[in-house]
Amino acid sequence: MLSLHGPGTCLYECRVMHRRLSPKAHQFSYNIFLFSLDLDETDATAARVRGFSHNRWNLYNFRDRDHLTLPGLEQATIKENILTWIRSQPDPPALPDNPRMVLITLPRVLGYIFNPVSFYFIEDRATAAPLCAVVQVGNTFREMKPYLLRAPSAPGAFHLITPKLFYVSPYSALDLHFDFKLKIPGEQLDIHIDDRSGPAGPQVLLSALTGRRCPLTTSRLLWLTLKFPLITLKVIFLIHWQAFRLWLRKLPFHRKSANPQLQQDVYHPHRPA
């Protein structure tokens, strides 16, 4: 059985691919790197890696409140928030009191944060058995929505098809379904998130995140910073650049205000001025 033991806290040098199938074909890819953080080791990691900190300013700053924060748990850790959220869901998986949790994400870079998607992998600390996973999807309005993958669908993998009910892109309808396919991270990262027109409907958009593990050390972080400078700004720029290209191609445009009933269970909701 695959386990999170081993990779834990590390970096992944990744390639992101998006391929739109309809209503018009459109494809692009780019390279980034992501942090993989064992959430019980974050302070120890910050102490040994220069340029990285936990809840205080730095070149790379991982802040708990940049992620899912439940009402009343604003001062709790992200791990406490995620465990509370999982246990509040219908038919929640049985979790021990203190499971191991690994988060794959981007921290703040020079104070700026933007994460299109982050991934939590939860395992039994005693047996190393995978228990569940959470995909935290974000949008450019700084809203976020978590999706629970309750149990492995196959050895070393999670799979879930679920209604999206979240505004991600003006060029994607809100009544689509997300098709999550996550392999438990190890030496390789292999994650796919597709859009479908229904639970068994045709695919509309294919997305893949693949990468290889490297250690989270001061020297490797410096190298990747030189290779991919201002990574969060790169991500937000590319999102808007591709949206502009789709606008030029006159794809149907979905306004966020048009279908509020299809935006459900959203955290940190945007308040229009």
Protein backbone atom coordinates (compact mmCIF):
# COMPACT_ATOMS: atom_id res chain seq x y z
CA MET A 1 0.00 0.00 0.00
CA LEU A 2 1.34 3.43 -0.87
CA SER A 3 1.93 5.78 2.01
CA LEU A 4 2.68 9.43 2.52
CA HIS A 5 5.65 8.39 4.68
CA GLY A 6 8.84 9.34 2.86
CA PRO A 7 7.99 12.31 0.65
CA GLY A 8 6.15 14.36 3.30
CA THR A 9 7.79 17.77 3.36
CA CYS A 10 9.45 18.41 0.00
CA LEU A 11 9.12 20.35 -3.24
CA TYR A 12 7.60 19.22 -6.53
CA GLU A 13 8.83 20.65 -9.81
CA CYS A 14 5.70 20.45 -11.93
CA ARG A 15 4.09 20.86 -15.30
CA VAL A 16 0.51 22.12 -15.52
CA MET A 17 -1.58 21.28 -18.59
CA HIS A 18 -5.04 22.54 -19.57
CA ARG A 19 -6.86 21.29 -22.64
CA ARG A 20 -10.30 22.65 -23.46
CA LEU A 21 -12.34 20.33 -25.70
CA SER A 22 -15.50 22.40 -26.19
CA PRO A 23 -17.04 24.65 -27.31
CA LYS A 24 -13.67 25.40 -28.97
CA ALA A 25 -10.40 23.53 -28.65
CA HIS A 26 -7.72 25.38 -26.68
CA GLN A 27 -4.62 24.04 -24.95
CA PHE A 28 -1.68 25.39 -22.98
CA SER A 29 0.88 24.25 -20.42
CA TYR A 30 3.46 25.83 -18.16
CA ASN A 31 6.00 24.86 -15.49
CA ILE A 32 5.85 25.73 -11.79
CA PHE A 33 6.94 24.30 -8.46
CA LEU A 34 4.83 23.49 -5.42
CA PHE A 35 5.47 22.94 -1.73
CA SER A 36 4.52 19.68 -0.03
CA LEU A 37 4.21 20.30 3.71
CA ASP A 38 3.68 17.82 6.50
CA LEU A 39 1.51 20.07 8.65
CA ASP A 40 3.05 18.72 11.86
CA GLU A 41 6.53 19.73 10.67
CA THR A 42 5.88 23.26 9.40
CA ASP A 43 7.65 25.09 12.24
CA ALA A 44 10.62 22.71 12.09
CA THR A 45 10.81 23.21 8.32
CA ALA A 46 10.74 26.98 8.75
CA ALA A 47 13.57 26.75 11.29
CA ARG A 48 15.90 24.87 8.93
CA VAL A 49 15.04 26.38 5.50
CA ARG A 50 16.13 29.96 4.96
CA GLY A 51 13.64 32.06 3.04
CA PHE A 52 10.64 30.03 4.30
CA SER A 53 8.54 30.84 7.35
CA HIS A 54 5.29 29.91 9.06
CA ASN A 55 2.81 32.71 9.81
CA ARG A 56 5.38 35.49 9.53
CA TRP A 57 6.75 37.50 6.60
CA ASN A 58 9.47 36.00 4.42
CA LEU A 59 10.24 35.36 0.79
CA TYR A 60 7.99 32.27 1.12
CA ASN A 61 5.46 32.48 3.95
CA PHE A 62 3.00 29.70 4.70
CA ARG A 63 0.04 31.19 6.56
CA ASP A 64 -2.72 29.01 8.03
CA ARG A 65 -5.40 31.64 7.38
CA ASP A 66 -4.67 31.69 3.65
CA HIS A 67 -6.47 28.34 3.52
CA LEU A 68 -9.81 27.02 4.70
CA THR A 69 -10.86 28.89 7.85
CA LEU A 70 -14.14 27.99 9.54
CA PRO A 71 -16.21 30.47 11.58
CA GLY A 72 -15.01 30.35 15.17
CA LEU A 73 -11.72 28.68 14.23
CA GLU A 74 -9.92 31.75 12.93
CA GLN A 75 -7.06 31.24 15.39
CA ALA A 76 -6.81 27.48 14.87
CA THR A 77 -4.28 25.81 12.61
CA ILE A 78 -5.19 24.79 9.09
CA LYS A 79 -4.95 21.15 10.15
CA GLU A 80 -7.54 21.73 12.90
CA ASN A 81 -9.81 23.54 10.43
CA ILE A 82 -9.59 20.78 7.82
CA LEU A 83 -10.23 18.00 10.36
CA THR A 84 -13.23 19.89 11.76
CA TRP A 85 -14.60 20.41 8.25
CA ILE A 86 -14.16 16.72 7.31
CA ARG A 87 -15.96 15.57 10.44
CA SER A 88 -18.84 17.96 9.71
CA GLN A 89 -19.54 16.44 6.29
CA PRO A 90 -22.29 13.89 5.57
CA ASP A 91 -21.02 10.33 6.02
CA PRO A 92 -17.54 11.45 7.10
CA PRO A 93 -14.64 9.00 7.05
CA ALA A 94 -13.56 7.65 10.42
CA LEU A 95 -10.43 9.53 11.44
CA PRO A 96 -8.11 9.07 14.41
CA ASP A 97 -7.57 12.01 16.74
CA ASN A 98 -4.31 13.10 15.14
CA PRO A 99 -3.86 11.74 11.63
CA ARG A 100 -0.93 12.73 9.45
CA MET A 101 -1.80 15.47 6.95
CA VAL A 102 0.29 16.58 3.98
CA LEU A 103 -0.66 19.73 2.06
CA ILE A 104 0.51 20.43 -1.50
CA THR A 105 0.17 24.14 -2.22
CA LEU A 106 1.87 27.47 -2.85
CA PRO A 107 2.69 29.75 0.10
CA ARG A 108 2.80 33.52 -0.08
CA VAL A 109 5.64 34.87 -2.22
CA LEU A 110 6.81 38.29 -1.00
CA GLY A 111 3.43 38.60 0.70
CA TYR A 112 1.29 37.74 -2.35
CA ILE A 113 -0.89 34.62 -2.38
CA PHE A 114 -2.90 32.92 -5.08
CA ASN A 115 -3.71 29.22 -5.20
CA PRO A 116 -5.98 27.84 -7.94
CA VAL A 117 -6.00 24.51 -6.10
CA SER A 118 -4.42 22.88 -3.04
CA PHE A 119 -4.44 19.22 -2.00
CA TYR A 120 -4.63 17.64 1.46
CA PHE A 121 -3.74 13.97 1.88
CA ILE A 122 -4.67 12.40 5.21
CA GLU A 123 -3.34 9.06 6.48
CA ASP A 124 -3.38 7.00 9.65
CA ARG A 125 -0.24 7.87 11.58
CA ALA A 126 0.09 4.39 13.11
CA THR A 127 -0.52 2.23 10.04
CA ALA A 128 0.32 4.70 7.22
CA ALA A 129 -2.97 3.74 5.56
CA PRO A 130 -4.47 6.49 3.33
CA LEU A 131 -7.77 7.68 4.81
CA CYS A 132 -9.11 10.52 2.67
CA ALA A 133 -8.14 13.58 0.66
CA VAL A 134 -9.45 17.13 0.32
CA VAL A 135 -9.17 19.28 -2.80
CA GLN A 136 -9.38 22.99 -2.01
CA VAL A 137 -10.27 24.92 -5.18
CA GLY A 138 -9.83 28.70 -5.31
CA ASN A 139 -10.82 31.41 -7.75
CA THR A 140 -9.63 34.92 -8.58
CA PHE A 141 -12.23 36.38 -6.20
CA ARG A 142 -10.24 34.75 -3.35
CA GLU A 143 -13.14 32.41 -2.65
CA MET A 144 -12.50 28.74 -1.98
CA LYS A 145 -14.43 25.52 -1.89
CA PRO A 146 -13.24 22.19 -0.46
CA TYR A 147 -14.22 18.81 -1.91
CA LEU A 148 -13.93 15.62 0.14
CA LEU A 149 -12.63 12.38 -1.38
CA ARG A 150 -13.76 10.02 1.34
CA ALA A 151 -11.65 6.91 0.73
CA PRO A 152 -9.14 5.52 -1.75
CA SER A 153 -10.87 4.28 -4.89
CA ALA A 154 -7.95 1.96 -5.67
CA PRO A 155 -4.61 1.24 -4.04
CA GLY A 156 -2.71 4.51 -3.94
CA ALA A 157 -5.40 6.64 -5.60
CA PHE A 158 -8.54 8.70 -4.96
CA HIS A 159 -11.36 9.37 -7.44
CA LEU A 160 -14.48 11.52 -7.20
CA ILE A 161 -17.01 12.92 -9.69
CA THR A 162 -19.10 15.64 -8.06
CA PRO A 163 -21.12 18.74 -9.03
CA LYS A 164 -18.82 21.76 -9.24
CA LEU A 165 -21.27 24.40 -7.87
CA PHE A 166 -18.43 26.91 -7.75
CA TYR A 167 -17.40 29.81 -9.98
CA VAL A 168 -13.91 29.07 -11.26
CA SER A 169 -13.75 30.56 -14.74
CA PRO A 170 -16.03 32.82 -16.79
CA TYR A 171 -15.60 30.31 -19.62
CA SER A 172 -16.85 27.29 -17.66
CA ALA A 173 -20.50 26.73 -16.77
CA LEU A 174 -21.33 26.26 -13.10
CA ASP A 175 -23.49 23.19 -13.70
CA LEU A 176 -20.52 21.09 -14.80
CA HIS A 177 -19.06 18.25 -12.71
CA PHE A 178 -15.51 18.00 -11.42
CA ASP A 179 -13.77 14.68 -12.08
CA PHE A 180 -10.94 14.40 -9.54
CA LYS A 181 -8.27 11.72 -10.02
CA LEU A 182 -5.48 11.92 -7.44
CA LYS A 183 -2.57 9.55 -6.98
CA ILE A 184 -1.04 9.62 -3.52
CA PRO A 185 2.15 11.67 -3.85
CA GLY A 186 5.52 10.00 -3.74
CA GLU A 187 8.53 10.45 -5.93
CA GLN A 188 6.09 11.55 -8.63
CA LEU A 189 3.07 13.84 -8.47
CA ASP A 190 0.16 12.83 -10.72
CA ILE A 191 -3.15 14.68 -10.37
CA HIS A 192 -5.95 15.17 -12.91
CA ILE A 193 -9.00 17.42 -12.58
CA ASP A 194 -11.40 17.33 -15.51
CA ASP A 195 -14.70 19.12 -16.17
CA ARG A 196 -17.61 16.96 -17.35
CA SER A 197 -21.03 17.99 -18.60
CA GLY A 198 -22.60 15.52 -16.14
CA PRO A 199 -21.70 12.58 -13.87
CA ALA A 200 -21.27 10.36 -16.93
CA GLY A 201 -21.23 13.10 -19.54
CA PRO A 202 -18.47 13.96 -21.99
CA GLN A 203 -15.35 15.77 -20.86
CA VAL A 204 -15.28 19.51 -21.50
CA LEU A 205 -11.91 20.46 -20.02
CA LEU A 206 -8.89 18.34 -19.10
CA SER A 207 -6.35 19.48 -16.50
CA ALA A 208 -3.23 17.67 -15.34
CA LEU A 209 -0.62 18.43 -12.71
CA THR A 210 2.44 16.20 -12.91
CA GLY A 211 5.81 16.57 -11.29
CA ARG A 212 8.83 15.03 -9.61
CA ARG A 213 9.92 15.28 -6.03
CA CYS A 214 12.98 17.18 -4.82
CA PRO A 215 14.06 17.98 -1.26
CA LEU A 216 12.95 21.16 0.47
CA THR A 217 16.33 22.64 1.34
CA THR A 218 17.62 26.20 1.30
CA SER A 219 19.78 25.53 -1.76
CA ARG A 220 17.06 23.80 -3.76
CA LEU A 221 14.52 26.49 -2.87
CA LEU A 222 16.98 29.15 -4.04
CA TRP A 223 17.53 27.30 -7.31
CA LEU A 224 13.81 26.97 -8.01
CA THR A 225 13.29 30.63 -7.08
CA LEU A 226 15.82 31.62 -9.75
CA LYS A 227 14.26 29.18 -12.22
CA PHE A 228 10.67 30.25 -11.48
CA PRO A 229 10.79 33.78 -10.00
CA LEU A 230 7.66 35.26 -8.41
CA ILE A 231 5.76 32.02 -8.97
CA THR A 232 2.39 33.21 -7.60
CA LEU A 233 2.45 36.26 -9.88
CA LYS A 234 3.27 33.99 -12.80
CA VAL A 235 0.23 31.81 -12.06
CA ILE A 236 -2.23 34.71 -11.79
CA PHE A 237 -0.80 36.37 -14.91
CA LEU A 238 -1.13 33.19 -16.98
CA ILE A 239 -4.72 32.69 -15.82
CA HIS A 240 -5.68 36.16 -17.03
CA TRP A 241 -3.63 35.83 -20.22
CA GLN A 242 -5.40 32.60 -21.20
CA ALA A 243 -8.77 34.15 -20.30
CA PHE A 244 -7.96 37.04 -22.62
CA ARG A 245 -7.12 34.60 -25.43
CA LEU A 246 -10.45 32.83 -24.92
CA TRP A 247 -12.25 36.18 -24.95
CA LEU A 248 -10.64 36.95 -28.32
CA ARG A 249 -12.01 33.64 -29.60
CA LYS A 250 -15.50 34.69 -28.44
CA LEU A 251 -16.22 31.79 -26.14
CA PRO A 252 -19.50 32.03 -24.20
CA PHE A 253 -19.00 34.16 -21.10
CA HIS A 254 -20.59 33.29 -17.74
CA ARG A 255 -20.89 36.16 -15.26
CA LYS A 256 -20.45 35.34 -11.59
CA SER A 257 -23.62 37.24 -10.65
CA ALA A 258 -25.78 35.35 -13.14
CA ASN A 259 -26.24 32.07 -11.23
CA PRO A 260 -25.84 32.54 -7.47
CA GLN A 261 -27.91 29.40 -6.85
CA LEU A 262 -25.14 27.36 -8.49
CA GLN A 263 -22.52 28.67 -6.06
CA GLN A 264 -22.94 26.63 -2.89
CA ASP A 265 -20.90 25.96 0.26
CA VAL A 266 -18.33 28.59 -0.67
CA TYR A 267 -15.86 29.84 1.94
CA HIS A 268 -14.49 33.37 2.15
CA PRO A 269 -17.31 34.55 -0.20
CA HIS A 270 -16.72 37.62 -2.30
CA ARG A 271 -18.77 40.65 -1.28
CA PRO A 272 -19.45 42.91 -4.29
CA ALA A 273 -18.74 46.57 -3.66
